[in-house]
Amino acid sequence: MRLLKFGAKWCAPCKALAKPLEAALTTRPQFELQVVDLESKADNDKDLLKRHRIQAVPTLLLVDEAGKVLRRLVGLPTRKELEAFLDKPIKAARKRKAKLQ
């Protein structure tokens, strides 16, 4: 699962999110982090900004293998909100796997 983090270098909440997000991801290896800078000149970054209609930063998107957005979080979350945002799809995947067995 990909985790897209949209932000900007001048954005204080984006900077404040960096360490808690890094810490949360150390215990959740199933997420591949992709950072997208709002001011990036790269065509791929511009495409992601348009496609996902990013209007505020920081914005986090959880995206499945097919590119479908599973969850969206806008703004600076608390540690508890961030963990819940990341854990919900993990728990859902475990339930699906358990049903198949």
C-alpha atoms as a PDB file:
ATOM      1  CA  MET A   1       0.000   0.000   0.000  1.00  0.00           C
ATOM      2  CA  ARG A   2       1.292   3.460  -0.845  1.00  0.00           C
ATOM      3  CA  LEU A   3       1.075   6.410   1.497  1.00  0.00           C
ATOM      4  CA  LEU A   4       1.211   9.711  -0.350  1.00  0.00           C
ATOM      5  CA  LYS A   5       2.250  12.681   1.770  1.00  0.00           C
ATOM      6  CA  PHE A   6       1.518  16.031   0.143  1.00  0.00           C
ATOM      7  CA  GLY A   7       3.302  18.988   1.687  1.00  0.00           C
ATOM      8  CA  ALA A   8       5.531  21.994   1.154  1.00  0.00           C
ATOM      9  CA  LYS A   9       8.861  23.145   2.558  1.00  0.00           C
ATOM     10  CA  TRP A  10       7.318  26.361   3.896  1.00  0.00           C
ATOM     11  CA  CYS A  11       4.466  24.503   5.666  1.00  0.00           C
ATOM     12  CA  ALA A  12       4.948  24.347   9.463  1.00  0.00           C
ATOM     13  CA  PRO A  13       2.314  21.600  10.005  1.00  0.00           C
ATOM     14  CA  CYS A  14       4.007  19.535   7.272  1.00  0.00           C
ATOM     15  CA  LYS A  15       7.304  19.813   9.132  1.00  0.00           C
ATOM     16  CA  ALA A  16       5.616  18.938  12.431  1.00  0.00           C
ATOM     17  CA  LEU A  17       4.115  15.803  10.852  1.00  0.00           C
ATOM     18  CA  ALA A  18       7.465  14.452   9.615  1.00  0.00           C
ATOM     19  CA  LYS A  19       8.785  12.843  12.823  1.00  0.00           C
ATOM     20  CA  PRO A  20       5.499  11.323  14.094  1.00  0.00           C
ATOM     21  CA  LEU A  21       4.836   9.905  10.628  1.00  0.00           C
ATOM     22  CA  GLU A  22       8.332   8.460  10.400  1.00  0.00           C
ATOM     23  CA  ALA A  23       7.926   6.871  13.846  1.00  0.00           C
ATOM     24  CA  ALA A  24       4.514   5.425  12.957  1.00  0.00           C
ATOM     25  CA  LEU A  25       5.821   3.920   9.728  1.00  0.00           C
ATOM     26  CA  THR A  26       8.712   2.123  11.436  1.00  0.00           C
ATOM     27  CA  THR A  27       6.185  -0.325  12.907  1.00  0.00           C
ATOM     28  CA  ARG A  28       4.078  -0.514   9.741  1.00  0.00           C
ATOM     29  CA  PRO A  29       6.336  -1.803   6.947  1.00  0.00           C
ATOM     30  CA  GLN A  30       3.389  -2.497   4.628  1.00  0.00           C
ATOM     31  CA  PHE A  31       3.296   1.194   3.682  1.00  0.00           C
ATOM     32  CA  GLU A  32       5.517   2.656   0.984  1.00  0.00           C
ATOM     33  CA  LEU A  33       5.878   6.403   1.624  1.00  0.00           C
ATOM     34  CA  GLN A  34       5.931   8.792  -1.328  1.00  0.00           C
ATOM     35  CA  VAL A  35       6.455  12.470  -0.524  1.00  0.00           C
ATOM     36  CA  VAL A  36       4.992  14.963  -2.990  1.00  0.00           C
ATOM     37  CA  ASP A  37       6.121  18.593  -2.700  1.00  0.00           C
ATOM     38  CA  LEU A  38       3.476  21.166  -3.563  1.00  0.00           C
ATOM     39  CA  GLU A  39       6.095  23.296  -5.302  1.00  0.00           C
ATOM     40  CA  SER A  40       7.654  20.450  -7.279  1.00  0.00           C
ATOM     41  CA  LYS A  41       8.283  20.982 -10.962  1.00  0.00           C
ATOM     42  CA  ALA A  42       8.186  17.231 -11.707  1.00  0.00           C
ATOM     43  CA  ASP A  43       5.355  16.277 -14.068  1.00  0.00           C
ATOM     44  CA  ASN A  44       4.481  13.207 -11.998  1.00  0.00           C
ATOM     45  CA  ASP A  45       4.040  15.329  -8.848  1.00  0.00           C
ATOM     46  CA  LYS A  46       1.878  17.855 -10.722  1.00  0.00           C
ATOM     47  CA  ASP A  47      -0.259  15.000 -12.027  1.00  0.00           C
ATOM     48  CA  LEU A  48      -0.735  13.574  -8.519  1.00  0.00           C
ATOM     49  CA  LEU A  49      -1.728  16.995  -7.165  1.00  0.00           C
ATOM     50  CA  LYS A  50      -4.358  17.439  -9.880  1.00  0.00           C
ATOM     51  CA  ARG A  51      -5.656  13.869  -9.880  1.00  0.00           C
ATOM     52  CA  HIS A  52      -6.175  13.802  -6.116  1.00  0.00           C
ATOM     53  CA  ARG A  53      -7.482  17.394  -5.918  1.00  0.00           C
ATOM     54  CA  ILE A  54      -5.044  18.483  -3.221  1.00  0.00           C
ATOM     55  CA  GLN A  55      -6.170  21.841  -1.860  1.00  0.00           C
ATOM     56  CA  ALA A  56      -4.503  21.913   1.559  1.00  0.00           C
ATOM     57  CA  VAL A  57      -1.315  20.613   3.112  1.00  0.00           C
ATOM     58  CA  PRO A  58      -0.436  18.426   4.784  1.00  0.00           C
ATOM     59  CA  THR A  59      -2.622  15.809   3.143  1.00  0.00           C
ATOM     60  CA  LEU A  60      -2.081  12.064   3.509  1.00  0.00           C
ATOM     61  CA  LEU A  61      -3.619   9.556   1.105  1.00  0.00           C
ATOM     62  CA  LEU A  62      -3.579   5.781   1.445  1.00  0.00           C
ATOM     63  CA  VAL A  63      -3.646   4.283  -2.039  1.00  0.00           C
ATOM     64  CA  ASP A  64      -4.011   0.605  -2.969  1.00  0.00           C
ATOM     65  CA  GLU A  65      -2.076  -1.236  -5.689  1.00  0.00           C
ATOM     66  CA  ALA A  66      -4.663  -0.246  -8.301  1.00  0.00           C
ATOM     67  CA  GLY A  67      -4.306   3.457  -7.461  1.00  0.00           C
ATOM     68  CA  LYS A  68      -7.629   3.729  -5.637  1.00  0.00           C
ATOM     69  CA  VAL A  69      -7.662   6.128  -2.680  1.00  0.00           C
ATOM     70  CA  LEU A  70      -8.670   4.191   0.428  1.00  0.00           C
ATOM     71  CA  ARG A  71      -8.350   6.954   3.010  1.00  0.00           C
ATOM     72  CA  ARG A  72      -7.638  10.699   3.130  1.00  0.00           C
ATOM     73  CA  LEU A  73      -6.403  12.793   6.049  1.00  0.00           C
ATOM     74  CA  VAL A  74      -6.073  16.564   5.743  1.00  0.00           C
ATOM     75  CA  GLY A  75      -4.274  18.711   8.293  1.00  0.00           C
ATOM     76  CA  LEU A  76      -2.002  17.924  11.215  1.00  0.00           C
ATOM     77  CA  PRO A  77      -3.347  14.899  13.085  1.00  0.00           C
ATOM     78  CA  THR A  78      -2.624  13.943  16.673  1.00  0.00           C
ATOM     79  CA  ARG A  79      -0.485  10.850  17.167  1.00  0.00           C
ATOM     80  CA  LYS A  80      -3.609   8.842  18.000  1.00  0.00           C
ATOM     81  CA  GLU A  81      -5.445  10.074  14.858  1.00  0.00           C
ATOM     82  CA  LEU A  82      -2.416   9.255  12.699  1.00  0.00           C
ATOM     83  CA  GLU A  83      -2.146   5.736  14.100  1.00  0.00           C
ATOM     84  CA  ALA A  84      -5.885   5.122  13.610  1.00  0.00           C
ATOM     85  CA  PHE A  85      -5.627   6.410  10.024  1.00  0.00           C
ATOM     86  CA  LEU A  86      -2.833   3.925   9.285  1.00  0.00           C
ATOM     87  CA  ASP A  87      -4.226   0.995  11.271  1.00  0.00           C
ATOM     88  CA  LYS A  88      -7.771   0.895   9.872  1.00  0.00           C
ATOM     89  CA  PRO A  89      -6.822  -0.561   6.450  1.00  0.00           C
ATOM     90  CA  ILE A  90      -4.408  -3.001   8.106  1.00  0.00           C
ATOM     91  CA  LYS A  91      -7.192  -4.323  10.344  1.00  0.00           C
ATOM     92  CA  ALA A  92      -9.588  -4.533   7.372  1.00  0.00           C
ATOM     93  CA  ALA A  93      -7.031  -6.553   5.384  1.00  0.00           C
ATOM     94  CA  ARG A  94      -6.559  -8.936   8.317  1.00  0.00           C
ATOM     95  CA  LYS A  95     -10.335  -9.468   8.564  1.00  0.00           C
ATOM     96  CA  ARG A  96     -10.569 -10.204   4.831  1.00  0.00           C
ATOM     97  CA  LYS A  97      -7.678 -12.653   5.068  1.00  0.00           C
ATOM     98  CA  ALA A  98      -9.240 -14.399   8.090  1.00  0.00           C
ATOM     99  CA  LYS A  99     -12.552 -14.821   6.224  1.00  0.00           C
ATOM    100  CA  LEU A 100     -10.757 -16.451   3.298  1.00  0.00           C
ATOM    101  CA  GLN A 101      -9.103 -19.058   5.510  1.00  0.00           C
END
